[in-house]
Amino acid sequence: MSMHNPPHPGMLLEDYLGDVSLAEAARRLGVTRATLSRIRNGHASVTADMAVRLGILLGTSAELWLGMQTAYDLWVERQKPHPEIVSLAS
């Protein structure tokens, strides 16, 4: 899989965790290791709930995590073909 521009927020998670294991972070977040691993590997999105939890855990804002997720989601959608849409702003 090629690196996305922008990256999925999960790809930046280990930078924020430092020496803390995924299992320990998951325990502190109150989620399973599998749940956090899916986010880390880009297979699950950072939800509003998870963004708040990550913000508390890592001393960041929830908006940081949701912003990264939204930027990634928009990038992905813009790569897909869309039907012909005629703009109302003409």
N, C-alpha and C. Protein backbone atom coordinates (compact mmCIF):
# COMPACT_ATOMS: atom_id res chain seq x y z
N MET A 1 0.85 -1.19 0.00
CA MET A 1 0.00 0.00 0.00
C MET A 1 0.89 1.25 0.00
N SER A 2 0.61 2.15 -0.88
CA SER A 2 1.42 3.36 -0.95
C SER A 2 1.01 4.33 0.17
N MET A 3 1.92 5.18 0.51
CA MET A 3 1.66 6.17 1.56
C MET A 3 0.62 7.16 1.05
N HIS A 4 -0.37 7.40 1.84
CA HIS A 4 -1.42 8.34 1.43
C HIS A 4 -0.99 9.75 1.75
N ASN A 5 -1.54 10.67 1.01
CA ASN A 5 -1.30 12.07 1.29
C ASN A 5 -2.65 12.72 1.44
N PRO A 6 -3.12 13.06 2.60
CA PRO A 6 -2.46 12.94 3.90
C PRO A 6 -2.52 11.51 4.46
N PRO A 7 -1.66 11.20 5.44
CA PRO A 7 -1.67 9.85 6.01
C PRO A 7 -2.88 9.60 6.90
N HIS A 8 -3.23 8.33 7.03
CA HIS A 8 -4.26 7.93 8.00
C HIS A 8 -3.69 8.27 9.39
N PRO A 9 -4.53 8.80 10.30
CA PRO A 9 -4.01 9.17 11.63
C PRO A 9 -3.37 8.01 12.38
N GLY A 10 -3.80 6.79 12.10
CA GLY A 10 -3.21 5.63 12.76
C GLY A 10 -1.73 5.49 12.48
N MET A 11 -1.31 5.95 11.30
CA MET A 11 0.10 5.84 10.94
C MET A 11 0.98 6.76 11.79
N LEU A 12 0.37 7.75 12.40
CA LEU A 12 1.12 8.67 13.26
C LEU A 12 1.02 8.29 14.74
N LEU A 13 0.18 7.31 15.02
CA LEU A 13 -0.09 6.94 16.41
C LEU A 13 1.17 6.52 17.15
N GLU A 14 2.01 5.71 16.53
CA GLU A 14 3.21 5.24 17.23
C GLU A 14 4.17 6.38 17.55
N ASP A 15 4.20 7.41 16.70
CA ASP A 15 5.03 8.58 17.00
C ASP A 15 4.58 9.21 18.32
N TYR A 16 3.28 9.26 18.53
CA TYR A 16 2.75 9.86 19.76
C TYR A 16 2.90 8.93 20.96
N LEU A 17 2.83 7.62 20.72
CA LEU A 17 2.93 6.66 21.83
C LEU A 17 4.37 6.52 22.35
N GLY A 18 5.35 6.76 21.50
CA GLY A 18 6.73 6.62 21.93
C GLY A 18 7.03 5.19 22.35
N ASP A 19 7.49 5.01 23.59
CA ASP A 19 7.86 3.68 24.10
C ASP A 19 6.67 2.91 24.67
N VAL A 20 5.49 3.52 24.69
CA VAL A 20 4.30 2.85 25.24
C VAL A 20 3.80 1.83 24.21
N SER A 21 3.57 0.61 24.65
CA SER A 21 3.10 -0.44 23.74
C SER A 21 1.64 -0.19 23.35
N LEU A 22 1.28 -0.77 22.22
CA LEU A 22 -0.11 -0.68 21.75
C LEU A 22 -1.05 -1.30 22.78
N ALA A 23 -0.62 -2.40 23.39
CA ALA A 23 -1.45 -3.08 24.39
C ALA A 23 -1.69 -2.18 25.60
N GLU A 24 -0.64 -1.51 26.06
CA GLU A 24 -0.78 -0.61 27.21
C GLU A 24 -1.66 0.59 26.88
N ALA A 25 -1.45 1.16 25.69
CA ALA A 25 -2.28 2.29 25.27
C ALA A 25 -3.74 1.87 25.18
N ALA A 26 -4.00 0.68 24.61
CA ALA A 26 -5.37 0.19 24.49
C ALA A 26 -6.00 0.01 25.87
N ARG A 27 -5.22 -0.54 26.80
CA ARG A 27 -5.73 -0.74 28.17
C ARG A 27 -6.13 0.59 28.78
N ARG A 28 -5.28 1.59 28.64
CA ARG A 28 -5.58 2.91 29.20
C ARG A 28 -6.75 3.59 28.52
N LEU A 29 -6.91 3.31 27.22
CA LEU A 29 -8.03 3.89 26.46
C LEU A 29 -9.35 3.18 26.73
N GLY A 30 -9.28 1.97 27.32
CA GLY A 30 -10.49 1.20 27.59
C GLY A 30 -11.02 0.51 26.34
N VAL A 31 -10.11 0.16 25.42
CA VAL A 31 -10.49 -0.58 24.22
C VAL A 31 -9.60 -1.81 24.09
N THR A 32 -9.97 -2.72 23.21
CA THR A 32 -9.13 -3.90 23.01
C THR A 32 -7.90 -3.52 22.20
N ARG A 33 -6.88 -4.35 22.32
CA ARG A 33 -5.68 -4.14 21.53
C ARG A 33 -6.02 -4.25 20.05
N ALA A 34 -6.93 -5.17 19.71
CA ALA A 34 -7.34 -5.35 18.31
C ALA A 34 -7.97 -4.08 17.75
N THR A 35 -8.79 -3.42 18.55
CA THR A 35 -9.43 -2.17 18.12
C THR A 35 -8.38 -1.12 17.80
N LEU A 36 -7.43 -0.95 18.71
CA LEU A 36 -6.39 0.06 18.51
C LEU A 36 -5.47 -0.33 17.36
N SER A 37 -5.23 -1.62 17.20
CA SER A 37 -4.39 -2.10 16.11
C SER A 37 -5.03 -1.82 14.75
N ARG A 38 -6.36 -1.96 14.67
CA ARG A 38 -7.06 -1.66 13.42
C ARG A 38 -6.91 -0.18 13.05
N ILE A 39 -6.96 0.69 14.04
CA ILE A 39 -6.73 2.12 13.78
C ILE A 39 -5.29 2.34 13.37
N ARG A 40 -4.36 1.74 14.10
CA ARG A 40 -2.93 1.89 13.82
C ARG A 40 -2.59 1.47 12.39
N ASN A 41 -3.23 0.42 11.92
CA ASN A 41 -2.94 -0.10 10.58
C ASN A 41 -3.80 0.52 9.48
N GLY A 42 -4.61 1.51 9.85
CA GLY A 42 -5.42 2.21 8.85
C GLY A 42 -6.66 1.46 8.41
N HIS A 43 -7.06 0.43 9.16
CA HIS A 43 -8.23 -0.37 8.80
C HIS A 43 -9.50 0.08 9.51
N ALA A 44 -9.37 1.03 10.43
CA ALA A 44 -10.53 1.59 11.12
C ALA A 44 -10.31 3.08 11.28
N SER A 45 -11.40 3.82 11.32
CA SER A 45 -11.32 5.27 11.44
C SER A 45 -11.25 5.71 12.90
N VAL A 46 -10.69 6.87 13.12
CA VAL A 46 -10.72 7.51 14.44
C VAL A 46 -12.09 8.17 14.56
N THR A 47 -12.91 7.66 15.46
CA THR A 47 -14.24 8.23 15.70
C THR A 47 -14.11 9.42 16.66
N ALA A 48 -15.19 10.16 16.83
CA ALA A 48 -15.20 11.27 17.78
C ALA A 48 -14.87 10.77 19.19
N ASP A 49 -15.45 9.63 19.57
CA ASP A 49 -15.18 9.05 20.88
C ASP A 49 -13.69 8.71 21.03
N MET A 50 -13.12 8.06 20.02
CA MET A 50 -11.71 7.70 20.09
C MET A 50 -10.83 8.94 20.07
N ALA A 51 -11.22 9.96 19.32
CA ALA A 51 -10.45 11.20 19.28
C ALA A 51 -10.37 11.85 20.66
N VAL A 52 -11.49 11.83 21.38
CA VAL A 52 -11.51 12.38 22.75
C VAL A 52 -10.60 11.54 23.65
N ARG A 53 -10.70 10.22 23.55
CA ARG A 53 -9.87 9.34 24.37
C ARG A 53 -8.38 9.53 24.07
N LEU A 54 -8.03 9.60 22.77
CA LEU A 54 -6.63 9.80 22.40
C LEU A 54 -6.13 11.15 22.90
N GLY A 55 -6.98 12.16 22.82
CA GLY A 55 -6.61 13.48 23.31
C GLY A 55 -6.25 13.46 24.79
N ILE A 56 -7.07 12.76 25.56
CA ILE A 56 -6.80 12.65 27.00
C ILE A 56 -5.53 11.85 27.24
N LEU A 57 -5.41 10.71 26.57
CA LEU A 57 -4.25 9.84 26.76
C LEU A 57 -2.94 10.52 26.38
N LEU A 58 -2.95 11.23 25.27
CA LEU A 58 -1.70 11.75 24.70
C LEU A 58 -1.47 13.24 24.96
N GLY A 59 -2.42 13.89 25.63
CA GLY A 59 -2.25 15.32 25.90
C GLY A 59 -2.36 16.16 24.65
N THR A 60 -3.18 15.70 23.70
CA THR A 60 -3.43 16.45 22.48
C THR A 60 -4.89 16.86 22.46
N SER A 61 -5.30 17.52 21.40
CA SER A 61 -6.72 17.85 21.27
C SER A 61 -7.43 16.75 20.50
N ALA A 62 -8.69 16.57 20.79
CA ALA A 62 -9.51 15.64 20.01
C ALA A 62 -9.59 16.12 18.56
N GLU A 63 -9.59 17.43 18.39
CA GLU A 63 -9.68 18.02 17.06
C GLU A 63 -8.49 17.62 16.17
N LEU A 64 -7.32 17.44 16.78
CA LEU A 64 -6.15 17.00 16.02
C LEU A 64 -6.44 15.67 15.34
N TRP A 65 -6.95 14.70 16.10
CA TRP A 65 -7.20 13.36 15.59
C TRP A 65 -8.35 13.33 14.60
N LEU A 66 -9.43 14.06 14.92
CA LEU A 66 -10.57 14.11 13.99
C LEU A 66 -10.20 14.85 12.72
N GLY A 67 -9.39 15.89 12.86
CA GLY A 67 -8.94 16.65 11.69
C GLY A 67 -8.12 15.79 10.75
N MET A 68 -7.21 14.99 11.31
CA MET A 68 -6.40 14.09 10.48
C MET A 68 -7.28 13.05 9.80
N GLN A 69 -8.28 12.53 10.54
CA GLN A 69 -9.17 11.52 9.96
C GLN A 69 -9.99 12.13 8.83
N THR A 70 -10.52 13.32 9.05
CA THR A 70 -11.32 13.99 8.03
C THR A 70 -10.50 14.30 6.79
N ALA A 71 -9.28 14.79 6.97
CA ALA A 71 -8.40 15.08 5.83
C ALA A 71 -8.12 13.81 5.04
N TYR A 72 -7.87 12.72 5.73
CA TYR A 72 -7.62 11.43 5.08
C TYR A 72 -8.86 10.95 4.33
N ASP A 73 -10.02 11.00 5.01
CA ASP A 73 -11.26 10.54 4.39
C ASP A 73 -11.60 11.34 3.13
N LEU A 74 -11.41 12.66 3.18
CA LEU A 74 -11.67 13.49 2.01
C LEU A 74 -10.73 13.15 0.87
N TRP A 75 -9.46 12.93 1.19
CA TRP A 75 -8.48 12.57 0.17
C TRP A 75 -8.89 11.27 -0.51
N VAL A 76 -9.28 10.28 0.29
CA VAL A 76 -9.69 8.99 -0.26
C VAL A 76 -10.89 9.16 -1.19
N GLU A 77 -11.88 9.90 -0.75
CA GLU A 77 -13.09 10.09 -1.55
C GLU A 77 -12.79 10.82 -2.85
N ARG A 78 -11.86 11.77 -2.81
CA ARG A 78 -11.53 12.52 -4.02
C ARG A 78 -10.79 11.69 -5.06
N GLN A 79 -10.27 10.52 -4.64
CA GLN A 79 -9.59 9.63 -5.59
C GLN A 79 -10.60 8.77 -6.36
N LYS A 80 -11.83 8.68 -5.87
CA LYS A 80 -12.84 7.82 -6.47
C LYS A 80 -13.58 8.56 -7.58
N PRO A 81 -14.06 7.81 -8.58
CA PRO A 81 -14.89 8.45 -9.61
C PRO A 81 -16.25 8.84 -9.03
N HIS A 82 -16.76 9.95 -9.49
CA HIS A 82 -18.07 10.41 -9.03
C HIS A 82 -18.95 10.66 -10.24
N PRO A 83 -20.26 10.61 -10.05
CA PRO A 83 -21.17 10.89 -11.17
C PRO A 83 -21.02 12.35 -11.60
N GLU A 84 -21.43 12.62 -12.80
CA GLU A 84 -21.40 14.00 -13.29
C GLU A 84 -22.39 14.83 -12.47
N ILE A 85 -21.87 15.85 -11.80
CA ILE A 85 -22.68 16.70 -10.96
C ILE A 85 -22.60 18.12 -11.49
N VAL A 86 -23.73 18.72 -11.78
CA VAL A 86 -23.76 20.09 -12.27
C VAL A 86 -23.89 21.02 -11.07
N SER A 87 -22.93 21.90 -10.92
CA SER A 87 -22.90 22.82 -9.78
C SER A 87 -24.07 23.78 -9.80
N LEU A 88 -24.57 24.09 -8.61
CA LEU A 88 -25.61 25.12 -8.47
C LEU A 88 -25.02 26.52 -8.52
N ALA A 89 -23.72 26.61 -8.28
CA ALA A 89 -23.03 27.90 -8.28
C ALA A 89 -22.55 28.19 -9.70
N SER A 90 -23.40 28.86 -10.49
CA SER A 90 -22.99 29.14 -11.88
C SER A 90 -23.18 30.59 -12.25
